[in-house]
Amino acid sequence: MFRARTVLRRTGSVTALAAAGVLAAAGIASAHVTVHPESYAKGATDGVLTFRVPNEEDAASTTKVQVFLPADHPVLGVLVTPQDGWTAKVTNTKLKTPVKTDDGTITDAVSEITWTGGRIGAGQYQDFNVAFGQLSDDTDQLTFKTLQTYSDGKTVRWIENPSGGEEPENPAPVLKLTAKGAEGGTATTPSTSSKSSVSTESTASSSDSTARGLGVAGLSVGVLGLAAAVFAVLRSRATESRAE
C-alpha cells in the first residue's frame, strides 16, 4: 500500500507540473497585441477591426496605444469607436498613389491612431474598435505595427514580422486577406449599440484559441495522470492480495 501511495503522489506531482507548464504557455500565447477577426476578404467593405491590448506588466499600467495603419495598402474610411476613459487622435497622410473607388478618388487615408488618457491595469486588457469603409484588394495581409507605452515610461514595440515561420518576440498584429468570397470577418457594419458595448466580448483571437487549446491539453494530461495513478493503486492491491 505504501508503494501505491508513493506512485500516486509522484503521478500527481508530474501531472501538476505538466498542467502548470501548459497554463504558463497559454499565458504567453495570449499576451501579444492582436487584431480581430483574424481575416477578411480582399476588398471587404463596411467592417470593424478590434485591436486587443493586454497589459503584461505587474507594476505598471498601459497608458498609451499607437496603431500604425499600412500606407502601401491603405485602409479607407476609418472611423474610431468612442472608448470610455480614452481619447483617440487620428492622423491622416497623403497617399503616394490615389485610390479610385465607386465614390470617387481617395487622396489621403488614416496612417496612425493614438489612444491616451485611459489605463489598462495588471492582468487586464482593452479592446479598441475601428470601423473601416474598404480594405485593400491587392495584398494577402495587412500589418498594423503597434507601440504600447506603460506608466513607468517603458514602450513595447509590436512591430516585428514572422521570419522562417517562427513567431518573433514582439510580433505586429497581422490581418490576413483571403480571396473574395472566402470565409473571413463579417463585412456588415455592426449597430451603434453593439459597437459601444464591444469590450471584453470581442471576437476571440487566434492567441486566445491557442490558449484554450493548451488549456484542454492540460486537462487531458491531468485526466491521464489520474488514470495512471488509479491503475497503479489497483495493481498494488492485487499484488498484496496474491502475496497474502
Protein backbone atom coordinates (compact mmCIF):
# COMPACT_ATOMS: atom_id res chain seq x y z
CA MET A 1 0.00 0.00 0.00
CA PHE A 2 2.90 2.30 0.78
CA ARG A 3 4.26 1.80 -2.75
CA ALA A 4 0.85 2.59 -4.25
CA ARG A 5 0.62 5.84 -2.30
CA THR A 6 4.14 6.76 -3.40
CA VAL A 7 3.21 6.19 -7.04
CA LEU A 8 0.06 8.24 -6.57
CA ARG A 9 2.00 11.16 -5.07
CA ARG A 10 4.62 11.05 -7.84
CA THR A 11 1.98 10.83 -10.56
CA GLY A 12 0.12 13.76 -9.04
CA SER A 13 3.31 15.83 -8.94
CA VAL A 14 4.09 15.12 -12.60
CA THR A 15 0.52 15.98 -13.57
CA ALA A 16 0.63 19.25 -11.63
CA LEU A 17 3.93 20.25 -13.23
CA ALA A 18 2.65 19.43 -16.72
CA ALA A 19 -0.54 21.42 -16.15
CA ALA A 20 1.44 24.38 -14.80
CA GLY A 21 3.64 24.33 -17.89
CA VAL A 22 0.60 24.28 -20.17
CA LEU A 23 -1.04 27.19 -18.36
CA ALA A 24 2.19 29.19 -18.49
CA ALA A 25 2.44 28.61 -22.22
CA ALA A 26 -1.20 29.66 -22.62
CA GLY A 27 -0.50 32.91 -20.79
CA ILE A 28 2.42 33.68 -23.09
CA ALA A 29 0.37 32.89 -26.18
CA SER A 30 -2.33 35.41 -25.28
CA ALA A 31 -0.05 38.26 -24.20
CA HIS A 32 0.58 39.88 -27.59
CA VAL A 33 -1.31 42.79 -29.12
CA THR A 34 -3.61 41.23 -31.71
CA VAL A 35 -6.21 42.25 -34.29
CA HIS A 36 -9.61 40.58 -34.64
CA PRO A 37 -11.04 38.93 -36.60
CA GLU A 38 -8.04 37.03 -37.96
CA SER A 39 -9.05 37.61 -41.57
CA TYR A 40 -11.26 39.47 -44.00
CA ALA A 41 -11.92 39.02 -47.69
CA LYS A 42 -9.86 41.18 -50.03
CA GLY A 43 -11.64 44.44 -50.77
CA ALA A 44 -14.11 43.91 -47.89
CA THR A 45 -16.32 46.89 -47.11
CA ASP A 46 -18.07 48.23 -44.02
CA GLY A 47 -16.40 46.13 -41.32
CA VAL A 48 -14.81 46.52 -37.90
CA LEU A 49 -11.29 45.73 -36.69
CA THR A 50 -10.70 45.19 -32.97
CA PHE A 51 -7.22 45.72 -31.54
CA ARG A 52 -6.83 43.80 -28.30
CA VAL A 53 -4.14 45.18 -25.97
CA PRO A 54 -3.22 43.11 -22.89
CA ASN A 55 -1.17 44.54 -20.02
CA GLU A 56 1.98 42.46 -19.46
CA GLU A 57 3.47 44.43 -16.56
CA ASP A 58 2.75 43.65 -12.89
CA ALA A 59 3.84 47.05 -11.54
CA ALA A 60 2.75 49.41 -14.34
CA SER A 61 -0.37 50.25 -16.35
CA THR A 62 -0.70 50.76 -20.09
CA THR A 63 -1.41 54.46 -20.68
CA LYS A 64 -0.88 54.90 -24.42
CA VAL A 65 -1.50 52.78 -27.52
CA GLN A 66 -0.40 53.74 -31.03
CA VAL A 67 -1.55 51.71 -34.04
CA PHE A 68 0.05 52.43 -37.41
CA LEU A 69 -2.01 51.58 -40.49
CA PRO A 70 -0.15 50.42 -43.64
CA ALA A 71 0.47 53.27 -46.09
CA ASP A 72 1.23 50.99 -49.05
CA HIS A 73 -2.16 49.26 -48.73
CA PRO A 74 -4.35 51.93 -47.13
CA VAL A 75 -7.47 51.23 -45.09
CA LEU A 76 -10.16 53.58 -46.37
CA GLY A 77 -12.98 55.28 -44.48
CA VAL A 78 -11.61 54.75 -40.97
CA LEU A 79 -13.82 55.68 -38.01
CA VAL A 80 -12.88 55.23 -34.35
CA THR A 81 -15.41 53.93 -31.82
CA PRO A 82 -15.57 56.11 -28.65
CA GLN A 83 -13.90 54.32 -25.75
CA ASP A 84 -14.73 55.24 -22.14
CA GLY A 85 -11.76 56.95 -20.48
CA TRP A 86 -9.70 57.08 -23.67
CA THR A 87 -9.14 59.88 -26.19
CA ALA A 88 -8.36 58.90 -29.77
CA LYS A 89 -6.22 61.02 -32.08
CA VAL A 90 -6.45 60.15 -35.78
CA THR A 91 -3.65 61.15 -38.15
CA ASN A 92 -4.19 61.32 -41.92
CA THR A 93 -1.49 61.01 -44.55
CA LYS A 94 -1.41 61.94 -48.23
CA LEU A 95 -1.32 58.83 -50.39
CA LYS A 96 1.53 58.43 -52.88
CA THR A 97 -0.90 56.70 -55.21
CA PRO A 98 -4.54 57.85 -55.03
CA VAL A 99 -7.13 55.08 -54.80
CA LYS A 100 -10.13 55.07 -57.13
CA THR A 101 -13.43 53.94 -55.60
CA ASP A 102 -17.08 53.97 -56.62
CA ASP A 103 -17.45 57.16 -54.56
CA GLY A 104 -14.54 58.93 -56.23
CA THR A 105 -10.76 59.15 -55.92
CA ILE A 106 -9.28 58.98 -52.42
CA THR A 107 -6.12 61.04 -51.95
CA ASP A 108 -5.48 60.60 -48.23
CA ALA A 109 -6.04 57.91 -45.59
CA VAL A 110 -5.54 57.33 -41.87
CA SER A 111 -1.95 56.37 -41.07
CA GLU A 112 -2.00 56.36 -37.27
CA ILE A 113 -4.44 56.15 -34.37
CA THR A 114 -3.26 57.03 -30.86
CA TRP A 115 -5.28 56.34 -27.72
CA THR A 116 -4.38 58.13 -24.46
CA GLY A 117 -5.99 59.09 -21.16
CA GLY A 118 -7.07 55.64 -20.02
CA ARG A 119 -5.33 52.87 -18.10
CA ILE A 120 -5.04 49.12 -18.56
CA GLY A 121 -4.05 47.57 -15.25
CA ALA A 122 -2.11 44.41 -14.44
CA GLY A 123 -3.95 41.28 -15.53
CA GLN A 124 -6.33 43.29 -17.73
CA TYR A 125 -6.77 44.02 -21.43
CA GLN A 126 -8.61 46.60 -23.51
CA ASP A 127 -10.31 46.31 -26.91
CA PHE A 128 -10.09 49.27 -29.30
CA ASN A 129 -12.61 49.16 -32.16
CA VAL A 130 -12.01 50.72 -35.57
CA ALA A 131 -14.61 50.73 -38.34
CA PHE A 132 -13.46 50.83 -41.97
CA GLY A 133 -15.07 51.57 -45.31
CA GLN A 134 -12.89 49.39 -47.52
CA LEU A 135 -9.82 47.15 -47.32
CA SER A 136 -7.13 46.71 -49.95
CA ASP A 137 -7.61 44.00 -52.57
CA ASP A 138 -4.03 43.79 -53.89
CA THR A 139 -2.25 42.10 -50.96
CA ASP A 140 -2.55 38.95 -48.85
CA GLN A 141 -2.21 40.59 -45.45
CA LEU A 142 -2.16 43.90 -43.61
CA THR A 143 0.36 44.60 -40.84
CA PHE A 144 -0.55 47.04 -38.08
CA LYS A 145 2.62 47.97 -36.20
CA THR A 146 1.77 49.00 -32.64
CA LEU A 147 3.51 50.80 -29.79
CA GLN A 148 2.38 50.17 -26.20
CA THR A 149 3.53 52.66 -23.54
CA TYR A 150 3.39 51.99 -19.80
CA SER A 151 3.06 54.33 -16.83
CA ASP A 152 6.71 53.73 -15.90
CA GLY A 153 7.87 55.05 -19.28
CA LYS A 154 8.55 51.67 -20.87
CA THR A 155 7.46 51.25 -24.50
CA VAL A 156 6.94 47.84 -26.12
CA ARG A 157 7.24 47.89 -29.91
CA TRP A 158 4.95 45.33 -31.51
CA ILE A 159 6.48 45.75 -34.96
CA GLU A 160 8.23 42.51 -35.90
CA ASN A 161 7.21 40.30 -38.82
CA PRO A 162 7.45 36.48 -38.70
CA SER A 163 10.70 35.08 -40.09
CA GLY A 164 11.18 31.49 -41.23
CA GLY A 165 7.76 30.50 -39.94
CA GLU A 166 8.67 31.33 -36.33
CA GLU A 167 6.84 33.94 -34.28
CA PRO A 168 9.12 36.80 -33.20
CA GLU A 169 9.34 38.08 -29.64
CA ASN A 170 7.27 41.20 -30.37
CA PRO A 171 5.05 40.35 -33.36
CA ALA A 172 2.99 43.04 -35.05
CA PRO A 173 -0.77 42.43 -35.34
CA VAL A 174 -1.47 40.93 -38.79
CA LEU A 175 -4.79 40.71 -40.64
CA LYS A 176 -4.91 38.05 -43.35
CA LEU A 177 -6.78 38.91 -46.54
CA THR A 178 -8.45 35.96 -48.23
CA ALA A 179 -9.79 35.55 -51.74
CA LYS A 180 -13.09 37.31 -52.33
CA GLY A 181 -15.95 35.08 -51.31
CA ALA A 182 -13.80 33.05 -48.92
CA GLU A 183 -14.58 32.87 -45.22
CA GLY A 184 -13.33 35.75 -43.16
CA GLY A 185 -14.54 38.54 -40.92
CA THR A 186 -18.04 39.82 -41.29
CA ALA A 187 -18.49 42.52 -43.90
CA THR A 188 -21.52 44.18 -42.35
CA THR A 189 -21.41 47.24 -40.13
CA PRO A 190 -22.49 46.49 -36.52
CA SER A 191 -25.20 48.61 -34.96
CA THR A 192 -24.21 51.60 -32.86
CA SER A 193 -25.17 49.81 -29.64
CA SER A 194 -23.05 46.77 -30.47
CA LYS A 195 -20.07 48.97 -31.31
CA SER A 196 -20.19 50.74 -27.95
CA SER A 197 -20.65 47.54 -25.99
CA VAL A 198 -17.78 45.58 -27.51
CA SER A 199 -15.06 45.29 -24.88
CA THR A 200 -14.43 42.02 -23.14
CA GLU A 201 -16.70 40.13 -25.56
CA SER A 202 -14.86 40.86 -28.84
CA THR A 203 -14.16 38.09 -31.31
CA ALA A 204 -11.65 35.65 -29.86
CA SER A 205 -8.20 35.92 -31.35
CA SER A 206 -6.00 33.13 -32.61
CA SER A 207 -3.87 33.60 -29.50
CA ASP A 208 -6.92 33.09 -27.28
CA SER A 209 -7.85 30.00 -29.30
CA THR A 210 -4.35 28.70 -28.78
CA ALA A 211 -4.63 29.35 -25.06
CA ARG A 212 -7.91 27.45 -24.88
CA GLY A 213 -6.41 24.58 -26.85
CA LEU A 214 -3.47 24.43 -24.49
CA GLY A 215 -5.86 24.50 -21.53
CA VAL A 216 -7.72 21.49 -22.94
CA ALA A 217 -4.38 19.74 -23.46
CA GLY A 218 -3.51 20.42 -19.82
CA LEU A 219 -6.84 18.95 -18.68
CA SER A 220 -6.19 15.86 -20.80
CA VAL A 221 -2.78 15.45 -19.19
CA GLY A 222 -4.39 15.66 -15.75
CA VAL A 223 -7.01 13.02 -16.61
CA LEU A 224 -4.36 10.65 -17.99
CA GLY A 225 -2.22 11.17 -14.89
CA LEU A 226 -5.16 10.40 -12.60
CA ALA A 227 -6.00 7.26 -14.59
CA ALA A 228 -2.39 6.08 -14.32
CA ALA A 229 -2.44 6.65 -10.55
CA VAL A 230 -5.69 4.68 -10.10
CA PHE A 231 -4.26 1.84 -12.20
CA ALA A 232 -1.14 1.79 -10.02
CA VAL A 233 -3.22 1.59 -6.83
CA LEU A 234 -5.36 -1.27 -8.15
CA ARG A 235 -2.32 -3.14 -9.38
CA SER A 236 -0.60 -2.77 -5.98
CA ARG A 237 -3.66 -4.02 -4.14
CA ALA A 238 -3.87 -7.04 -6.46
CA THR A 239 -0.21 -7.85 -5.77
CA GLU A 240 -0.75 -7.63 -1.99
CA SER A 241 -3.78 -9.92 -2.21
CA ARG A 242 -1.78 -12.56 -4.07
CA ALA A 243 1.03 -12.28 -1.51
CA GLU A 244 -1.39 -12.98 1.31
